[in-house]
Amino acid sequence: MTHDTTALQRTLPSPADSSVDSSGQRPGGSGPLSDATLDALAERLAAGADIVGIGESTRFSRETFGLRDQLFRRLVRQHGFRALALQDSADVAAGLDRYVRVGEGSAEAALAGAWRPWRSAEMAAALDWIREFNREHPDDPVRIFGVRPAQARSEDYDAVLDHVRATAPELLADLAAHLDPIRTAHDIDEHVQRARGTHPGRPFVDHARDALALLRARPGANDDAVLTRMRLIVSFHAGSVAGRGGFASDTATEADALDDARRGARLVYWDGIAHTAATGTVLGSAPGSAARPTVGTHLRERYGRRYVSVAIGFHHGDLGVVAVPEPGADLVDARLGSADAPARWLDLRHDDIRRQWDGPAKLRVISGVYDPSRDAAEHLAVASLADAFDVLLHVRRATGVRWLG
């Protein structure tokens, strides 16, 4: 499946963005995002890059995902990129990789255990495209990697319960009382459940630790496979946003995973802009706090300008899960969407563009806990827009992705 770009082809370049660099290309414009424009953008991203981080301001928009996917396809076909790193665990990514390399199962089946934001028809189409490319290039395939270590999956809960049902049935009811509510976090993150008012109350990591204690206390317990699975479940909940008490993660370890994934190949990294930004960020929900290093921060330190950071955002739209209003005037998104153009792009590495756009900036972020009534706080802040992001892509109106069943 290819993403239709014809809806983005209706306006002339903005005069402020119409300068031409030494290559004869414009470093910015207000549409059209035609195939030729996307080809030129991909060429700009690929020039001198080992890793291209393409971040979205939301994971729920069909249009922003489509732009990221279209750039990725061009980086693969035209510029030799052969690795894709995702915000997911190594074991989930291994299943996606098996599908795109050898055609094991289907894209939808491979995504069944993936992080919920990846389980969309758009992501399945992206995997199908990679699979077809690999079929055509069996000796030079695209590989998929996860930036997080292996973590608990739904089948781990089933294995633990089945083991206790067979060996210590008197513990089954108590164990299920701990595991049944917390496994829901694999479909809707615990912090999202809290934000939506659907959380059952007790922290999931506490339930997980009590379940582990029950298993350890059973007669004849030893360090067997079921305890290993249960420790993985505890680790999953302790390492979640709710378990950590915030969005900060081990960004250096995730950057290490990207280093390992490269194996000499040019790599594309898909994540949110709060992770791909090449400098530290401050979330609007934590004003006044120190900027936190991102995965992109470490990549910029290690690779310099061979790491290229792209931010894809939008002005407003109905994402299905929530309707997002027009942004506040203090957000970059408001300025980018000020003209009635379907799309806009800027290369902040160009001196003229940097002079117009650089400085402290706020960019909208729409996560699973987004609440329109707190729209003013739903952003991240950076000290320098041009240091954090090399290229900005922006669509005026966004619609929702199509979720798999």
Protein backbone atom coordinates (compact mmCIF):
# COMPACT_ATOMS: atom_id res chain seq x y z
CA MET A 1 0.00 0.00 0.00
CA THR A 2 1.26 3.52 -0.79
CA HIS A 3 0.06 6.62 1.00
CA ASP A 4 -1.76 9.10 -1.19
CA THR A 5 0.01 12.46 -1.40
CA THR A 6 -2.38 14.12 -3.87
CA ALA A 7 -4.30 15.79 -1.05
CA LEU A 8 -1.10 17.62 -0.11
CA GLN A 9 -0.52 19.21 -3.52
CA ARG A 10 -2.48 22.44 -3.70
CA THR A 11 -0.37 25.46 -2.73
CA LEU A 12 2.61 27.49 -3.83
CA PRO A 13 5.81 27.86 -1.78
CA SER A 14 5.81 30.45 0.97
CA PRO A 15 7.95 33.42 -0.09
CA ALA A 16 9.76 33.29 3.26
CA ASP A 17 10.90 29.74 2.52
CA SER A 18 11.67 30.06 -1.19
CA SER A 19 15.47 30.54 -1.16
CA VAL A 20 17.55 28.08 -3.14
CA ASP A 21 20.77 26.50 -1.88
CA SER A 22 23.89 25.50 -3.81
CA SER A 23 22.29 22.23 -4.90
CA GLY A 24 19.46 24.11 -6.60
CA GLN A 25 16.89 22.86 -4.08
CA ARG A 26 14.64 24.92 -1.84
CA PRO A 27 15.37 24.36 1.88
CA GLY A 28 11.72 24.91 2.75
CA GLY A 29 8.28 25.29 1.30
CA SER A 30 4.52 25.15 1.75
CA GLY A 31 3.61 22.12 -0.33
CA PRO A 32 3.24 20.50 -2.62
CA LEU A 33 4.48 17.31 -0.97
CA SER A 34 4.58 15.61 -4.33
CA ASP A 35 6.68 12.57 -5.09
CA ALA A 36 9.39 14.89 -6.42
CA THR A 37 9.38 16.93 -3.19
CA LEU A 38 9.56 13.80 -1.05
CA ASP A 39 12.42 12.52 -3.22
CA ALA A 40 14.28 15.79 -2.62
CA LEU A 41 13.58 15.65 1.12
CA ALA A 42 14.87 12.08 1.35
CA GLU A 43 18.00 13.10 -0.54
CA ARG A 44 18.59 15.91 1.94
CA LEU A 45 18.12 13.55 4.90
CA ALA A 46 20.43 10.92 3.46
CA ALA A 47 23.32 13.25 2.65
CA GLY A 48 26.11 12.31 5.06
CA ALA A 49 23.77 10.51 7.48
CA ASP A 50 24.33 7.15 9.18
CA ILE A 51 21.12 7.34 11.27
CA VAL A 52 17.96 9.29 10.47
CA GLY A 53 15.57 9.67 13.40
CA ILE A 54 12.03 10.36 12.19
CA GLY A 55 9.81 11.41 15.07
CA GLU A 56 6.10 12.20 15.17
CA SER A 57 4.27 14.54 17.51
CA THR A 58 1.54 11.88 17.77
CA ARG A 59 1.34 8.17 17.05
CA PHE A 60 -2.34 8.40 16.11
CA SER A 61 -2.27 10.29 12.80
CA ARG A 62 -2.54 8.62 9.42
CA GLU A 63 -0.98 11.63 7.68
CA THR A 64 2.10 11.94 9.90
CA PHE A 65 2.68 8.18 9.78
CA GLY A 66 2.28 8.31 6.01
CA LEU A 67 4.98 10.96 5.63
CA ARG A 68 7.37 9.00 7.82
CA ASP A 69 6.69 5.83 5.86
CA GLN A 70 7.15 7.57 2.50
CA LEU A 71 10.50 9.03 3.57
CA PHE A 72 11.61 5.66 4.89
CA ARG A 73 10.78 3.93 1.61
CA ARG A 74 12.83 6.46 -0.30
CA LEU A 75 15.76 6.15 2.10
CA VAL A 76 15.69 2.39 1.50
CA ARG A 77 15.19 2.35 -2.27
CA GLN A 78 17.23 5.37 -3.26
CA HIS A 79 19.87 5.74 -0.55
CA GLY A 80 20.74 2.28 0.74
CA PHE A 81 19.32 2.37 4.26
CA ARG A 82 18.87 -1.21 5.46
CA ALA A 83 17.82 -1.12 9.13
CA LEU A 84 14.72 0.11 10.93
CA ALA A 85 14.71 0.58 14.71
CA LEU A 86 11.43 0.88 16.60
CA GLN A 87 10.30 1.85 20.09
CA ASP A 88 9.50 -1.72 21.13
CA SER A 89 11.19 -4.69 22.74
CA ALA A 90 13.83 -6.86 21.11
CA ASP A 91 11.60 -9.94 21.08
CA VAL A 92 8.68 -8.12 19.42
CA ALA A 93 11.03 -6.64 16.83
CA ALA A 94 12.49 -10.10 16.18
CA GLY A 95 9.01 -11.30 15.20
CA LEU A 96 8.55 -8.34 12.87
CA ASP A 97 11.99 -9.03 11.41
CA ARG A 98 11.13 -12.68 10.74
CA TYR A 99 8.07 -11.58 8.84
CA VAL A 100 9.84 -9.05 6.63
CA ARG A 101 12.83 -11.33 5.97
CA VAL A 102 11.29 -14.76 5.46
CA GLY A 103 7.56 -14.08 5.27
CA GLU A 104 6.70 -15.96 8.47
CA GLY A 105 2.99 -15.42 9.13
CA SER A 106 1.44 -12.07 8.25
CA ALA A 107 2.08 -8.45 9.14
CA GLU A 108 -1.07 -8.40 11.27
CA ALA A 109 -0.02 -11.53 13.17
CA ALA A 110 3.48 -10.15 13.74
CA LEU A 111 1.99 -6.96 15.18
CA ALA A 112 -0.38 -8.78 17.56
CA GLY A 113 2.12 -8.62 20.42
CA ALA A 114 3.59 -5.24 19.52
CA TRP A 115 3.22 -2.03 21.49
CA ARG A 116 -0.34 -0.81 20.96
CA PRO A 117 0.51 2.29 18.87
CA TRP A 118 2.13 0.06 16.23
CA ARG A 119 -1.00 -2.07 15.76
CA SER A 120 -2.48 -0.18 12.85
CA ALA A 121 -3.30 -0.89 9.22
CA GLU A 122 -0.71 1.75 8.28
CA MET A 123 2.04 -0.11 10.14
CA ALA A 124 0.96 -3.43 8.61
CA ALA A 125 1.21 -1.83 5.16
CA ALA A 126 4.71 -0.57 5.98
CA LEU A 127 5.77 -4.09 6.98
CA ASP A 128 4.25 -5.53 3.81
CA TRP A 129 6.26 -3.05 1.76
CA ILE A 130 9.48 -4.06 3.53
CA ARG A 131 8.61 -7.72 2.97
CA GLU A 132 8.17 -7.12 -0.75
CA PHE A 133 11.43 -5.17 -0.93
CA ASN A 134 13.26 -8.01 0.81
CA ARG A 135 11.71 -10.54 -1.55
CA GLU A 136 13.21 -8.52 -4.40
CA HIS A 137 16.56 -8.10 -2.61
CA PRO A 138 17.20 -11.38 -0.73
CA ASP A 139 20.94 -10.69 -0.45
CA ASP A 140 20.51 -7.11 0.78
CA PRO A 141 17.44 -7.08 3.06
CA VAL A 142 16.03 -4.48 5.42
CA ARG A 143 16.22 -5.63 9.06
CA ILE A 144 14.02 -4.54 11.99
CA PHE A 145 15.28 -4.02 15.54
CA GLY A 146 13.82 -2.95 18.90
CA VAL A 147 15.46 -0.39 21.17
CA ARG A 148 14.31 -2.04 24.39
CA PRO A 149 15.30 -5.40 25.88
CA ALA A 150 12.96 -8.39 25.72
CA GLN A 151 9.94 -7.94 27.98
CA ALA A 152 6.90 -9.82 29.19
CA ARG A 153 4.18 -10.72 26.73
CA SER A 154 0.63 -12.01 27.12
CA GLU A 155 1.71 -15.64 26.80
CA ASP A 156 3.94 -15.27 29.90
CA TYR A 157 0.86 -14.65 32.06
CA ASP A 158 -0.84 -17.70 30.56
CA ALA A 159 2.23 -19.87 31.16
CA VAL A 160 2.45 -18.82 34.82
CA LEU A 161 -1.25 -19.46 35.43
CA ASP A 162 -1.17 -22.82 33.62
CA HIS A 163 1.82 -23.94 35.67
CA VAL A 164 0.13 -23.07 38.97
CA ARG A 165 -3.14 -24.64 37.82
CA ALA A 166 -1.26 -27.91 37.28
CA THR A 167 1.10 -27.86 40.27
CA ALA A 168 -0.48 -25.75 43.02
CA PRO A 169 -4.17 -25.20 42.19
CA GLU A 170 -4.87 -23.89 45.70
CA LEU A 171 -2.87 -20.74 44.75
CA LEU A 172 -4.59 -20.17 41.44
CA ALA A 173 -7.35 -17.81 42.60
CA ASP A 174 -4.96 -15.57 44.52
CA LEU A 175 -2.47 -15.53 41.66
CA ALA A 176 -5.14 -14.71 39.08
CA ALA A 177 -6.38 -11.86 41.27
CA HIS A 178 -2.95 -10.28 40.86
CA LEU A 179 -2.32 -11.09 37.19
CA ASP A 180 -5.73 -10.55 35.59
CA PRO A 181 -5.93 -6.78 36.15
CA ILE A 182 -2.30 -6.02 35.31
CA ARG A 183 -2.11 -7.86 31.99
CA THR A 184 -4.46 -5.22 30.62
CA ALA A 185 -1.42 -2.91 30.49
CA HIS A 186 -0.31 -4.74 27.36
CA ASP A 187 -3.33 -3.28 25.55
CA ILE A 188 -3.67 0.07 27.33
CA ASP A 189 -0.65 1.39 29.25
CA GLU A 190 -1.18 1.71 32.98
CA HIS A 191 -0.56 5.47 33.00
CA VAL A 192 -3.14 5.84 30.22
CA GLN A 193 -5.67 3.85 32.28
CA ARG A 194 -5.06 6.24 35.18
CA ALA A 195 -5.54 9.27 32.94
CA ARG A 196 -8.80 7.84 31.57
CA GLY A 197 -10.15 6.90 34.98
CA THR A 198 -10.32 3.16 34.21
CA HIS A 199 -7.44 2.02 36.43
CA PRO A 200 -8.50 -0.47 39.15
CA GLY A 201 -6.52 1.39 41.80
CA ARG A 202 -3.53 -0.56 43.09
CA PRO A 203 -0.18 -0.06 41.30
CA PHE A 204 0.38 -2.89 38.83
CA VAL A 205 3.99 -3.40 39.90
CA ASP A 206 2.76 -4.13 43.46
CA HIS A 207 0.42 -6.82 42.12
CA ALA A 208 3.29 -8.28 40.08
CA ARG A 209 5.64 -8.41 43.05
CA ASP A 210 2.98 -10.08 45.21
CA ALA A 211 2.43 -12.66 42.47
CA LEU A 212 6.16 -13.38 42.41
CA ALA A 213 6.15 -13.78 46.20
CA LEU A 214 3.29 -16.29 45.93
CA LEU A 215 5.23 -18.36 43.42
CA ARG A 216 8.36 -18.32 45.52
CA ALA A 217 6.42 -19.45 48.62
CA ARG A 218 4.82 -22.48 47.01
CA PRO A 219 6.13 -25.90 48.14
CA GLY A 220 9.14 -27.05 46.17
CA ALA A 221 9.62 -23.71 44.42
CA ASN A 222 12.97 -23.22 42.78
CA ASP A 223 14.48 -21.04 40.08
CA ASP A 224 12.55 -22.64 37.27
CA ALA A 225 11.16 -21.32 34.01
CA VAL A 226 7.93 -20.09 35.59
CA LEU A 227 9.86 -17.86 38.01
CA THR A 228 11.85 -16.48 35.09
CA ARG A 229 8.61 -15.55 33.32
CA MET A 230 7.22 -13.99 36.50
CA ARG A 231 10.37 -11.88 36.97
CA LEU A 232 9.93 -10.67 33.40
CA ILE A 233 6.37 -9.60 34.26
CA VAL A 234 7.62 -7.72 37.33
CA SER A 235 10.30 -6.03 35.24
CA PHE A 236 7.73 -4.99 32.63
CA HIS A 237 5.55 -3.21 35.18
CA ALA A 238 8.44 -1.73 37.14
CA GLY A 239 9.87 -0.28 33.91
CA SER A 240 6.59 1.17 32.61
CA VAL A 241 5.80 4.88 32.72
CA ALA A 242 3.55 4.25 35.74
CA GLY A 243 6.12 2.03 37.42
CA ARG A 244 8.92 4.57 36.91
CA GLY A 245 6.69 7.44 37.98
CA GLY A 246 7.41 9.43 34.80
CA PHE A 247 8.35 9.35 31.15
CA ALA A 248 12.12 9.29 31.67
CA SER A 249 13.74 6.13 30.38
CA ASP A 250 17.22 4.69 30.02
CA THR A 251 18.01 6.68 26.92
CA ALA A 252 21.69 5.74 26.86
CA THR A 253 20.83 2.02 26.80
CA GLU A 254 18.36 2.60 23.97
CA ALA A 255 21.03 4.49 22.04
CA ASP A 256 23.37 1.54 22.64
CA ALA A 257 20.73 -0.73 21.12
CA LEU A 258 20.68 1.47 18.03
CA ASP A 259 24.48 1.27 17.81
CA ASP A 260 24.26 -2.53 17.98
CA ALA A 261 21.44 -2.66 15.43
CA ARG A 262 23.38 -0.71 12.81
CA ARG A 263 26.05 -3.35 12.24
CA GLY A 264 27.50 -1.06 9.63
CA ALA A 265 24.16 -0.43 7.92
CA ARG A 266 22.50 2.95 7.51
CA LEU A 267 19.56 3.01 9.89
CA VAL A 268 16.20 4.77 10.28
CA TYR A 269 14.83 5.22 13.80
CA TRP A 270 11.05 5.63 14.31
CA ASP A 271 9.80 7.11 17.57
CA GLY A 272 8.12 10.15 19.07
CA ILE A 273 9.76 13.58 18.83
CA ALA A 274 10.43 13.50 22.58
CA HIS A 275 12.83 10.61 21.86
CA THR A 276 14.30 11.54 18.48
CA ALA A 277 15.12 15.18 19.35
CA ALA A 278 18.88 15.73 19.20
CA THR A 279 18.91 17.81 22.40
CA GLY A 280 17.31 17.50 25.82
CA THR A 281 13.61 18.23 26.17
CA VAL A 282 11.24 19.42 28.90
CA LEU A 283 7.65 18.19 28.90
CA GLY A 284 4.95 20.78 29.37
CA SER A 285 3.51 18.65 32.15
CA ALA A 286 6.74 19.25 34.14
CA PRO A 287 7.48 22.98 33.67
CA GLY A 288 10.63 24.25 35.32
CA SER A 289 12.33 20.86 35.40
CA ALA A 290 15.74 20.31 33.84
CA ALA A 291 15.90 19.17 30.24
CA ARG A 292 16.12 15.39 30.03
CA PRO A 293 18.49 13.70 27.59
CA THR A 294 16.77 11.86 24.75
CA VAL A 295 17.91 8.92 22.67
CA GLY A 296 18.62 11.51 19.97
CA THR A 297 20.82 13.45 22.42
CA HIS A 298 23.14 10.46 22.76
CA LEU A 299 23.09 9.81 19.03
CA ARG A 300 24.07 13.43 18.28
CA GLU A 301 26.91 13.18 20.81
CA ARG A 302 28.15 9.94 19.24
CA TYR A 303 27.53 10.61 15.56
CA GLY A 304 27.53 14.39 15.29
CA ARG A 305 25.72 15.53 12.17
CA ARG A 306 25.72 11.96 10.87
CA TYR A 307 22.62 11.67 13.05
CA VAL A 308 19.78 13.61 11.42
CA SER A 309 16.67 14.43 13.43
CA VAL A 310 13.29 14.93 11.72
CA ALA A 311 10.10 16.14 13.43
CA ILE A 312 6.68 15.55 11.86
CA GLY A 313 3.78 17.47 13.38
CA PHE A 314 0.29 18.73 12.60
CA HIS A 315 -1.95 21.72 13.25
CA HIS A 316 -5.31 20.21 14.18
CA GLY A 317 -7.58 17.27 13.44
CA ASP A 318 -9.79 14.44 14.64
CA LEU A 319 -7.52 11.50 15.47
CA GLY A 320 -10.38 9.14 16.25
CA VAL A 321 -9.30 8.70 19.86
CA VAL A 322 -9.50 12.46 20.40
CA ALA A 323 -10.24 15.67 18.51
CA VAL A 324 -7.26 18.04 18.71
CA PRO A 325 -8.01 21.78 18.42
CA GLU A 326 -5.87 24.42 16.76
CA PRO A 327 -2.63 24.94 18.73
CA GLY A 328 -1.91 27.84 21.05
CA ALA A 329 -0.09 30.79 19.51
CA ASP A 330 3.10 30.03 21.46
CA LEU A 331 3.61 26.66 19.73
CA VAL A 332 5.74 26.11 16.63
CA ASP A 333 2.74 24.21 15.23
CA ALA A 334 0.69 27.40 15.18
CA ARG A 335 3.35 29.25 13.21
CA LEU A 336 3.85 26.38 10.78
CA GLY A 337 0.12 26.10 10.23
CA SER A 338 -0.54 29.83 9.98
CA ALA A 339 -0.93 29.65 6.20
CA ASP A 340 -3.86 27.68 4.86
CA ALA A 341 -1.56 25.13 3.26
CA PRO A 342 -2.02 21.36 3.46
CA ALA A 343 1.65 20.83 4.35
CA ARG A 344 4.92 22.62 5.00
CA TRP A 345 8.56 21.64 5.36
CA LEU A 346 11.74 23.37 6.57
CA ASP A 347 15.41 22.37 6.56
CA LEU A 348 16.78 24.13 9.63
CA ARG A 349 20.36 23.35 8.63
CA HIS A 350 20.12 26.05 5.95
CA ASP A 351 21.41 29.38 7.32
CA ASP A 352 18.47 31.48 6.07
CA ILE A 353 15.91 29.06 7.55
CA ARG A 354 17.81 28.78 10.82
CA ARG A 355 17.86 32.56 11.23
CA GLN A 356 14.09 32.72 10.75
CA TRP A 357 13.13 29.81 12.97
CA ASP A 358 15.79 29.08 15.59
CA GLY A 359 15.45 29.81 19.30
CA PRO A 360 13.62 28.35 22.30
CA ALA A 361 10.53 26.54 21.08
CA LYS A 362 7.53 24.50 22.13
CA LEU A 363 6.14 21.71 19.95
CA ARG A 364 2.82 20.00 20.48
CA VAL A 365 2.85 16.37 21.70
CA ILE A 366 -0.31 14.23 21.60
CA SER A 367 0.13 11.06 23.65
CA GLY A 368 -2.23 8.44 24.99
CA VAL A 369 -2.98 10.66 28.00
CA TYR A 370 -3.77 13.78 25.96
CA ASP A 371 -6.68 15.84 27.29
CA PRO A 372 -7.94 18.74 25.15
CA SER A 373 -8.85 20.65 28.30
CA ARG A 374 -5.12 20.75 29.14
CA ASP A 375 -4.00 21.43 25.59
CA ALA A 376 -1.68 24.27 26.62
CA ALA A 377 0.47 21.82 28.62
CA GLU A 378 0.60 19.10 25.96
CA HIS A 379 3.96 19.99 24.45
CA LEU A 380 7.68 19.59 24.79
CA ALA A 381 10.11 22.49 25.01
CA VAL A 382 13.63 22.74 23.57
CA ALA A 383 16.25 25.43 24.10
CA SER A 384 17.05 25.59 20.38
CA LEU A 385 14.68 24.40 17.68
CA ALA A 386 17.48 24.06 15.11
CA ASP A 387 19.72 22.09 17.47
CA ALA A 388 16.91 19.70 18.41
CA PHE A 389 15.62 19.08 14.88
CA ASP A 390 17.29 19.30 11.48
CA VAL A 391 14.13 19.10 9.40
CA LEU A 392 10.50 19.95 10.22
CA LEU A 393 7.55 18.48 8.34
CA HIS A 394 4.08 19.70 9.17
CA VAL A 395 0.58 18.88 7.93
CA ARG A 396 -2.32 21.19 8.62
CA ARG A 397 -5.05 18.63 9.20
CA ALA A 398 -4.64 15.12 10.63
CA THR A 399 -6.97 12.12 10.75
CA GLY A 400 -6.71 8.92 12.74
CA VAL A 401 -4.84 5.75 11.87
CA ARG A 402 -6.92 2.62 11.25
CA TRP A 403 -6.46 0.28 14.18
CA LEU A 404 -6.15 -3.46 13.68
CA GLY A 405 -8.85 -5.53 15.35
